[in-house]
Amino acid sequence: MIHVRLSTDAELRLLQHETFGYFLHEANPANGLVLDKTEPGWPCSIAATGLALAAYPVGVEAGLIARSDAAQRALTTLRFFHQSPQGPEPDATGYKGFYYHFLDMQTGRRAWKCELSTIDSAFLLAGGLTAAVYFDAATPAEREIRDLALRLYERADWQWAQNGGQTVTHGWHPESGFIQYRWEGYDEALLMYVLGLGSPTHALPASSYAAWASTYQWKHSYGLDYLYAGPLFTHQLSHIWIDFRGIQDEYMRGKGIDYFENSRRATHVQHRYAIDNPHGFKRYGRKCWGITASDGPGPDVRKINGVDCQFYDYIARGVPEGPDDGTLAPWAVVASLPFAPDIVLPAIDYFINEVKLKVGNPYGFKATFNPTHPEQIRSPYGWVSRWHYGLNQGPIVLMIENYRSGKLWEWMKACPHIVAGLKRAGFTGGWL
């Protein structure tokens, strides 16, 4: 059989289509909850559910799902969260307008004694606001989507989540109270702070954002100056919803760039790191890169060229400071497509046509692979994750769309709460 290589745009559209299938087939139709990962018996991830809420409108625009079907999926999800038990009980779905990181796929109750997560709740609420902007028709279903999404957003008590401090805590446990860690240092919490600042009911004070920004680290790496965060996803997730091109807060005005340019630089640091390959991992290079929080082949120690090499399981891998064990995440490369298509497109083509990471996988790329880990029996590219993760699938669908059409960014510019949050954070210029 002759293999026909698709055009770049056709390749992207096919990858988006295949990846979108995760949200069609790994969601519970009774409550809209989306599976965290495809391992049997796994719970829902509220972040993946929020990504699904944002992906349904993209699916409509791409011709992957009928508008009425997408609206029904969004409505089922929002109804569940609106009606689910909120309270301090350890088996509730959420408390103070926030939700537990993982929920039972059937009952929707808290799974695994996990934390009430501020960041994952932010992704859920952002997905709801996306649905509210997109589903703007006068039909009863679409009116209810708008009403429920706003009610959920208004219910989140961001001031409570500060626990008396300036920055926002990571979360809360009913058994032990607030988690000691706070959202400090540049990362994916940019979106969370914007949502908290834009709340019409329990808004964060502007001083909270200033306190967060005061913990940033500006670094020089591989010839580039940028606002540092190690894992690639931290430079991407907020950008799924917000077009940061040309708008600046006080910190970025001082640096003379915007957060979009910062993510472009962070992506190029990843690329240059892989070319440099300081640890000598297999296959790292110009077309093979992408280090982020991800699944991995560990915990394991193997002797590679006479040296003990430590491999990790799920961990926040980062560049250039590590940890790095040779594990690469193709989804994280795709999610940088809007920032650096010149280096991302060749890598996507390599993952598809050389590594063949889509072959036999129902939803596009598997989460990760590690060419250095000695599993050549199964694959010349070493260890390959057995699973798909909802948190990986969403950024692929959504960032391909932002690269191809910018539609999601345009929708969210029409969200008054995003606009209000950006302005309260001190953003000016550009489309604002």
Protein backbone atom coordinates (compact mmCIF):
# COMPACT_ATOMS: atom_id res chain seq x y z
CA MET A 1 0.00 0.00 0.00
CA ILE A 2 1.35 3.43 -0.95
CA HIS A 3 1.51 5.89 1.93
CA VAL A 4 0.34 9.33 0.84
CA ARG A 5 1.74 12.15 2.96
CA LEU A 6 -0.98 14.69 3.74
CA SER A 7 -0.60 18.42 3.36
CA THR A 8 0.25 20.29 6.57
CA ASP A 9 -3.28 21.66 6.98
CA ALA A 10 -4.89 18.29 6.24
CA GLU A 11 -2.57 16.66 8.79
CA LEU A 12 -3.60 19.19 11.43
CA ARG A 13 -7.30 18.85 10.69
CA LEU A 14 -7.07 15.05 10.87
CA LEU A 15 -5.17 15.20 14.18
CA GLN A 16 -7.77 17.62 15.56
CA HIS A 17 -10.60 15.34 14.40
CA GLU A 18 -9.06 12.21 15.93
CA THR A 19 -8.23 13.97 19.20
CA PHE A 20 -11.73 15.45 19.48
CA GLY A 21 -13.02 11.88 19.54
CA TYR A 22 -11.79 11.61 23.12
CA PHE A 23 -14.49 14.04 24.26
CA LEU A 24 -17.15 12.23 22.25
CA HIS A 25 -16.36 8.76 23.57
CA GLU A 26 -14.77 9.25 27.02
CA ALA A 27 -17.54 11.40 28.52
CA ASN A 28 -20.45 10.02 30.55
CA PRO A 29 -23.57 11.01 28.55
CA ALA A 30 -25.64 11.02 31.76
CA ASN A 31 -23.65 13.77 33.51
CA GLY A 32 -21.10 15.12 31.02
CA LEU A 33 -18.08 14.14 33.14
CA VAL A 34 -14.93 13.44 31.13
CA LEU A 35 -12.47 10.68 31.96
CA ASP A 36 -9.05 11.82 33.23
CA LYS A 37 -7.29 9.02 31.35
CA THR A 38 -8.20 5.83 29.52
CA GLU A 39 -6.91 3.41 32.15
CA PRO A 40 -9.82 1.20 33.30
CA GLY A 41 -11.58 2.37 36.46
CA TRP A 42 -10.15 5.89 36.30
CA PRO A 43 -12.18 8.90 37.53
CA CYS A 44 -13.23 12.15 35.88
CA SER A 45 -10.91 15.13 35.70
CA ILE A 46 -12.72 18.45 36.13
CA ALA A 47 -9.98 20.16 34.09
CA ALA A 48 -10.55 17.73 31.21
CA THR A 49 -14.28 18.41 31.54
CA GLY A 50 -13.64 22.13 31.23
CA LEU A 51 -11.53 21.52 28.14
CA ALA A 52 -14.41 19.48 26.70
CA LEU A 53 -16.81 22.38 27.26
CA ALA A 54 -14.44 24.60 25.26
CA ALA A 55 -13.88 21.90 22.62
CA TYR A 56 -17.56 21.33 21.79
CA PRO A 57 -17.94 24.73 20.07
CA VAL A 58 -14.70 24.11 18.16
CA GLY A 59 -16.10 20.74 17.12
CA VAL A 60 -19.22 22.44 15.77
CA GLU A 61 -17.16 24.92 13.75
CA ALA A 62 -14.94 22.14 12.40
CA GLY A 63 -17.94 20.04 11.37
CA LEU A 64 -17.16 17.29 13.88
CA ILE A 65 -20.46 17.50 15.82
CA ALA A 66 -23.88 19.03 15.21
CA ARG A 67 -24.59 22.26 17.10
CA SER A 68 -27.64 20.75 18.81
CA ASP A 69 -25.61 17.73 19.98
CA ALA A 70 -22.80 19.94 21.26
CA ALA A 71 -25.30 22.16 23.06
CA GLN A 72 -26.89 19.14 24.70
CA ARG A 73 -23.51 17.86 25.89
CA ALA A 74 -22.63 21.26 27.33
CA LEU A 75 -26.02 21.59 28.97
CA THR A 76 -25.82 18.12 30.55
CA THR A 77 -22.40 18.99 32.00
CA LEU A 78 -23.43 22.38 33.36
CA ARG A 79 -26.65 21.00 34.86
CA PHE A 80 -24.67 18.34 36.66
CA PHE A 81 -22.28 20.82 38.26
CA HIS A 82 -25.06 23.24 39.14
CA GLN A 83 -27.13 20.54 40.83
CA SER A 84 -24.28 18.52 42.40
CA PRO A 85 -23.78 18.70 46.19
CA GLN A 86 -21.69 21.64 47.42
CA GLY A 87 -20.62 21.51 51.03
CA PRO A 88 -17.88 20.65 53.55
CA GLU A 89 -18.82 16.95 53.54
CA PRO A 90 -15.90 14.76 52.40
CA ASP A 91 -17.98 13.04 49.69
CA ALA A 92 -19.45 16.18 48.08
CA THR A 93 -18.67 17.29 44.52
CA GLY A 94 -17.37 20.67 45.59
CA TYR A 95 -17.40 23.48 48.13
CA LYS A 96 -17.53 27.29 47.95
CA GLY A 97 -18.04 27.11 44.19
CA PHE A 98 -14.87 25.06 43.61
CA TYR A 99 -14.70 21.37 42.72
CA TYR A 100 -12.63 18.35 43.59
CA HIS A 101 -9.83 17.57 41.16
CA PHE A 102 -11.14 14.05 40.49
CA LEU A 103 -14.76 12.89 40.58
CA ASP A 104 -16.32 9.45 40.28
CA MET A 105 -17.42 9.07 36.66
CA GLN A 106 -20.84 7.72 37.64
CA THR A 107 -21.82 9.46 40.88
CA GLY A 108 -19.84 12.68 40.38
CA ARG A 109 -18.69 12.56 44.00
CA ARG A 110 -15.14 13.21 45.17
CA ALA A 111 -12.66 10.47 44.23
CA TRP A 112 -9.54 9.29 46.08
CA LYS A 113 -9.75 11.85 48.92
CA CYS A 114 -8.32 14.33 46.41
CA GLU A 115 -8.08 18.08 46.93
CA LEU A 116 -10.62 20.77 46.14
CA SER A 117 -8.58 22.28 43.30
CA THR A 118 -8.53 26.00 42.54
CA ILE A 119 -6.65 25.64 39.25
CA ASP A 120 -8.68 22.74 37.90
CA SER A 121 -11.88 24.54 38.90
CA ALA A 122 -10.61 27.53 36.88
CA PHE A 123 -10.30 25.38 33.76
CA LEU A 124 -13.81 24.02 34.35
CA LEU A 125 -15.25 27.52 34.75
CA ALA A 126 -13.35 28.78 31.69
CA GLY A 127 -14.90 25.97 29.67
CA GLY A 128 -18.34 26.96 30.92
CA LEU A 129 -17.76 30.59 29.96
CA THR A 130 -16.67 29.46 26.47
CA ALA A 131 -19.95 27.60 26.05
CA ALA A 132 -21.84 30.65 27.33
CA VAL A 133 -20.27 32.91 24.72
CA TYR A 134 -20.64 30.46 21.83
CA PHE A 135 -24.15 29.18 22.41
CA ASP A 136 -25.85 32.53 21.89
CA ALA A 137 -29.12 31.45 20.25
CA ALA A 138 -32.57 32.15 21.71
CA THR A 139 -33.44 28.45 22.07
CA PRO A 140 -34.32 27.20 25.57
CA ALA A 141 -31.26 24.94 25.65
CA GLU A 142 -28.79 27.65 24.71
CA ARG A 143 -30.36 30.17 27.08
CA GLU A 144 -29.99 27.65 29.90
CA ILE A 145 -26.33 27.08 28.99
CA ARG A 146 -25.65 30.80 29.38
CA ASP A 147 -27.56 30.99 32.65
CA LEU A 148 -25.90 27.97 34.26
CA ALA A 149 -22.37 28.88 33.17
CA LEU A 150 -22.78 32.32 34.76
CA ARG A 151 -24.25 30.88 37.96
CA LEU A 152 -21.34 28.47 38.33
CA TYR A 153 -18.81 31.24 37.75
CA GLU A 154 -20.54 33.54 40.24
CA ARG A 155 -20.59 30.82 42.90
CA ALA A 156 -16.79 30.49 43.12
CA ASP A 157 -15.61 32.29 46.26
CA TRP A 158 -12.13 33.44 45.27
CA GLN A 159 -11.65 35.46 48.45
CA TRP A 160 -12.23 32.33 50.53
CA ALA A 161 -9.56 30.57 48.44
CA GLN A 162 -7.00 33.16 49.56
CA ASN A 163 -7.27 31.87 53.14
CA GLY A 164 -6.28 35.24 54.56
CA GLY A 165 -3.25 35.71 52.32
CA GLN A 166 -2.66 37.73 49.17
CA THR A 167 -2.14 34.90 46.66
CA VAL A 168 -4.55 32.03 46.03
CA THR A 169 -4.02 28.65 47.70
CA HIS A 170 -3.67 25.46 45.65
CA GLY A 171 -6.79 24.08 47.28
CA TRP A 172 -8.45 22.57 50.32
CA HIS A 173 -9.19 19.22 51.95
CA PRO A 174 -12.30 18.69 54.10
CA GLU A 175 -10.17 16.61 56.48
CA SER A 176 -7.29 19.05 57.00
CA GLY A 177 -8.25 22.46 55.56
CA PHE A 178 -6.27 24.58 53.14
CA ILE A 179 -3.22 23.24 51.32
CA GLN A 180 -0.08 25.10 52.48
CA TYR A 181 1.09 25.81 48.93
CA ARG A 182 -0.04 28.90 47.04
CA TRP A 183 -0.08 29.88 43.40
CA GLU A 184 3.22 31.74 43.24
CA GLY A 185 5.79 31.91 40.45
CA TYR A 186 4.77 32.17 36.79
CA ASP A 187 2.67 29.25 35.59
CA GLU A 188 -0.77 28.25 34.28
CA ALA A 189 -2.40 30.19 37.13
CA LEU A 190 -2.44 33.29 34.90
CA LEU A 191 -5.92 32.26 33.68
CA MET A 192 -7.06 31.52 37.23
CA TYR A 193 -6.09 34.97 38.50
CA VAL A 194 -7.83 36.64 35.53
CA LEU A 195 -11.01 34.68 36.27
CA GLY A 196 -10.77 35.50 39.97
CA LEU A 197 -10.28 39.20 39.29
CA GLY A 198 -13.20 39.27 36.86
CA SER A 199 -15.72 37.68 39.22
CA PRO A 200 -18.88 39.80 39.66
CA THR A 201 -19.53 38.29 43.10
CA HIS A 202 -16.39 37.23 45.02
CA ALA A 203 -13.58 38.95 43.10
CA LEU A 204 -9.93 38.78 44.06
CA PRO A 205 -8.46 42.19 44.89
CA ALA A 206 -6.00 43.63 42.36
CA SER A 207 -3.36 43.29 45.07
CA SER A 208 -3.65 39.51 44.76
CA TYR A 209 -2.47 39.62 41.14
CA ALA A 210 0.34 42.01 42.05
CA ALA A 211 1.43 39.65 44.83
CA TRP A 212 1.49 36.74 42.37
CA ALA A 213 3.49 38.68 39.76
CA SER A 214 6.01 39.69 42.43
CA THR A 215 7.06 36.02 42.66
CA TYR A 216 8.04 35.74 38.96
CA GLN A 217 11.54 34.64 37.90
CA TRP A 218 13.07 36.29 34.79
CA LYS A 219 15.85 34.12 33.38
CA HIS A 220 18.31 33.83 30.51
CA SER A 221 18.57 30.47 28.80
CA TYR A 222 19.89 29.35 25.42
CA GLY A 223 20.32 32.94 24.28
CA LEU A 224 16.81 34.05 25.26
CA ASP A 225 15.48 36.18 28.13
CA TYR A 226 12.06 35.07 29.34
CA LEU A 227 9.71 34.63 32.26
CA TYR A 228 10.66 31.19 33.51
CA ALA A 229 8.49 28.14 34.07
CA GLY A 230 10.02 24.73 33.36
CA PRO A 231 7.23 22.50 32.01
CA LEU A 232 5.96 23.50 28.55
CA PHE A 233 2.27 23.29 29.51
CA THR A 234 2.64 26.18 31.95
CA HIS A 235 3.29 28.47 28.98
CA GLN A 236 0.22 27.19 27.11
CA LEU A 237 -2.91 26.52 29.14
CA SER A 238 -3.89 30.13 29.91
CA HIS A 239 -3.26 30.98 26.25
CA ILE A 240 -5.90 28.49 25.12
CA TRP A 241 -8.56 30.98 26.20
CA ILE A 242 -6.84 34.37 26.13
CA ASP A 243 -5.12 36.03 23.17
CA PHE A 244 -2.20 37.78 24.87
CA ARG A 245 -0.82 39.24 21.65
CA GLY A 246 -0.31 42.97 22.07
CA ILE A 247 -1.71 43.29 25.60
CA GLN A 248 0.55 43.80 28.61
CA ASP A 249 0.33 43.99 32.37
CA GLU A 250 2.74 46.10 34.42
CA TYR A 251 5.34 43.32 34.55
CA MET A 252 5.39 42.76 30.80
CA ARG A 253 5.38 46.49 30.05
CA GLY A 254 8.59 46.62 32.06
CA LYS A 255 10.10 43.82 29.95
CA GLY A 256 8.93 45.20 26.62
CA ILE A 257 7.18 42.01 25.49
CA ASP A 258 3.82 40.30 26.04
CA TYR A 259 2.94 36.86 27.40
CA PHE A 260 2.49 35.49 23.88
CA GLU A 261 6.07 36.44 22.99
CA ASN A 262 7.17 34.95 26.30
CA SER A 263 5.57 31.62 25.36
CA ARG A 264 7.26 31.80 21.95
CA ARG A 265 10.61 32.20 23.68
CA ALA A 266 9.89 29.38 26.14
CA THR A 267 9.02 27.13 23.20
CA HIS A 268 12.31 27.99 21.49
CA VAL A 269 14.22 27.31 24.72
CA GLN A 270 12.70 23.80 24.67
CA HIS A 271 13.75 23.38 21.04
CA ARG A 272 17.31 24.57 21.62
CA TYR A 273 17.60 22.41 24.73
CA ALA A 274 16.64 19.32 22.72
CA ILE A 275 19.22 20.16 20.05
CA ASP A 276 21.87 20.71 22.75
CA ASN A 277 20.71 17.51 24.53
CA PRO A 278 22.92 17.98 27.62
CA HIS A 279 22.11 14.52 29.03
CA GLY A 280 22.58 12.62 25.79
CA PHE A 281 19.05 11.21 25.56
CA LYS A 282 18.13 9.30 22.43
CA ARG A 283 16.39 11.02 19.50
CA TYR A 284 16.35 14.50 21.07
CA GLY A 285 16.86 17.05 18.32
CA ARG A 286 15.46 19.61 15.91
CA LYS A 287 12.28 17.61 15.21
CA CYS A 288 12.03 15.66 18.46
CA TRP A 289 11.39 17.66 21.62
CA GLY A 290 8.65 18.64 24.10
CA ILE A 291 9.11 18.29 27.85
CA THR A 292 6.24 18.94 30.25
CA ALA A 293 4.21 17.49 33.12
CA SER A 294 3.48 14.02 31.83
CA ASP A 295 3.25 10.28 32.18
CA GLY A 296 6.54 8.36 32.07
CA PRO A 297 8.11 4.88 32.18
CA GLY A 298 9.07 4.95 35.87
CA PRO A 299 9.54 4.71 38.68
CA ASP A 300 12.48 2.75 37.34
CA VAL A 301 16.28 2.74 37.33
CA ARG A 302 18.03 1.24 34.30
CA LYS A 303 21.70 1.09 33.36
CA ILE A 304 22.23 3.09 30.15
CA ASN A 305 25.79 2.94 28.72
CA GLY A 306 27.05 1.78 32.09
CA VAL A 307 25.37 4.59 34.03
CA ASP A 308 22.30 4.28 36.27
CA CYS A 309 19.49 6.34 34.74
CA GLN A 310 16.47 7.38 36.83
CA PHE A 311 13.08 7.24 35.09
CA TYR A 312 9.96 8.87 36.57
CA ASP A 313 6.24 8.19 36.25
CA TYR A 314 3.84 11.16 36.23
CA ILE A 315 5.90 14.21 37.13
CA ALA A 316 6.34 17.85 36.10
CA ARG A 317 9.34 17.54 33.79
CA GLY A 318 10.91 20.85 32.78
CA VAL A 319 13.55 22.69 30.76
CA PRO A 320 16.34 23.54 31.27
CA GLU A 321 16.49 22.83 35.00
CA GLY A 322 14.73 19.46 34.88
CA PRO A 323 13.77 16.96 35.88
CA ASP A 324 14.35 15.33 32.51
CA ASP A 325 14.52 11.58 31.96
CA GLY A 326 14.22 11.41 28.17
CA THR A 327 10.39 11.43 28.15
CA LEU A 328 8.78 13.51 25.38
CA ALA A 329 5.16 14.65 25.08
CA PRO A 330 3.96 15.26 21.49
CA TRP A 331 0.74 16.94 22.70
CA ALA A 332 2.76 19.67 24.39
CA VAL A 333 4.53 20.41 21.13
CA VAL A 334 1.19 20.72 19.29
CA ALA A 335 -0.08 23.10 21.99
CA SER A 336 2.76 25.50 21.12
CA LEU A 337 1.62 25.70 17.50
CA PRO A 338 0.34 29.30 17.67
CA PHE A 339 3.61 30.50 19.21
CA ALA A 340 6.22 28.86 16.98
CA PRO A 341 4.80 27.07 13.91
CA ASP A 342 8.24 27.16 12.28
CA ILE A 343 9.58 24.59 14.76
CA VAL A 344 6.31 22.91 15.78
CA LEU A 345 5.07 21.81 12.35
CA PRO A 346 8.21 19.79 11.49
CA ALA A 347 7.98 18.07 14.89
CA ILE A 348 4.31 17.16 14.39
CA ASP A 349 5.17 15.70 10.99
CA TYR A 350 8.03 13.73 12.57
CA PHE A 351 5.83 12.32 15.33
CA ILE A 352 3.18 11.27 12.81
CA ASN A 353 5.24 9.99 9.89
CA GLU A 354 8.55 8.88 11.45
CA VAL A 355 7.73 7.79 15.01
CA LYS A 356 4.19 6.83 13.92
CA LEU A 357 2.77 7.75 17.33
CA LYS A 358 -0.80 7.75 16.01
CA VAL A 359 -0.77 4.20 14.64
CA GLY A 360 -3.29 2.03 16.46
CA ASN A 361 -4.35 4.86 18.77
CA PRO A 362 -8.00 5.93 18.64
CA TYR A 363 -7.42 9.54 19.71
CA GLY A 364 -4.33 10.70 17.87
CA PHE A 365 -1.11 10.80 19.87
CA LYS A 366 -0.55 8.77 22.99
CA ALA A 367 0.53 10.91 25.93
CA THR A 368 4.29 10.37 25.89
CA PHE A 369 7.17 8.26 24.68
CA ASN A 370 10.73 7.73 25.87
CA PRO A 371 13.27 6.61 23.25
CA THR A 372 16.02 6.25 25.88
CA HIS A 373 14.14 3.71 28.02
CA PRO A 374 15.23 0.25 26.86
CA GLU A 375 11.96 -1.15 25.55
CA GLN A 376 13.07 -1.60 21.95
CA ILE A 377 11.40 -5.02 21.91
CA ARG A 378 8.05 -3.30 21.49
CA SER A 379 9.19 -0.23 19.63
CA PRO A 380 12.39 1.22 18.15
CA TYR A 381 11.29 4.42 19.86
CA GLY A 382 11.46 2.91 23.34
CA TRP A 383 8.70 3.16 25.91
CA VAL A 384 5.31 4.50 24.76
CA SER A 385 2.54 5.43 27.20
CA ARG A 386 -0.44 3.09 27.11
CA TRP A 387 -2.93 5.87 27.82
CA HIS A 388 -4.63 8.94 26.48
CA TYR A 389 -5.25 11.81 28.94
CA GLY A 390 -8.08 14.33 28.66
CA LEU A 391 -5.78 17.10 29.88
CA ASN A 392 -3.52 16.43 26.88
CA GLN A 393 -6.29 16.05 24.32
CA GLY A 394 -7.96 19.41 24.95
CA PRO A 395 -4.95 21.62 24.19
CA ILE A 396 -4.39 19.77 20.90
CA VAL A 397 -7.96 20.41 19.71
CA LEU A 398 -8.06 24.00 20.95
CA MET A 399 -4.60 25.23 20.00
CA ILE A 400 -4.86 23.79 16.49
CA GLU A 401 -8.02 25.87 16.20
CA ASN A 402 -6.35 29.00 17.56
CA TYR A 403 -3.52 28.50 15.06
CA ARG A 404 -5.82 27.85 12.10
CA SER A 405 -8.61 30.36 12.77
CA GLY A 406 -8.19 32.13 16.13
CA LYS A 407 -11.89 31.48 16.79
CA LEU A 408 -11.59 30.54 20.45
CA TRP A 409 -9.59 33.70 21.14
CA GLU A 410 -12.21 35.78 19.35
CA TRP A 411 -15.06 34.21 21.33
CA MET A 412 -13.36 34.91 24.64
CA LYS A 413 -12.73 38.55 23.71
CA ALA A 414 -16.54 38.80 23.86
CA CYS A 415 -16.62 37.40 27.42
CA PRO A 416 -17.11 40.42 29.73
CA HIS A 417 -15.65 38.59 32.73
CA ILE A 418 -12.37 37.78 30.95
CA VAL A 419 -12.13 41.40 29.80
CA ALA A 420 -12.88 42.70 33.30
CA GLY A 421 -10.31 40.37 34.85
CA LEU A 422 -7.60 41.44 32.42
CA LYS A 423 -8.29 45.12 33.06
CA ARG A 424 -8.27 44.66 36.84
CA ALA A 425 -4.93 42.88 36.47
CA GLY A 426 -3.61 46.00 34.76
CA PHE A 427 -3.58 44.79 31.15
CA THR A 428 -3.75 47.51 28.49
CA GLY A 429 -3.14 47.88 24.77
CA GLY A 430 -3.92 45.76 21.74
CA TRP A 431 -7.45 44.41 21.43
CA LEU A 432 -8.33 45.59 24.95
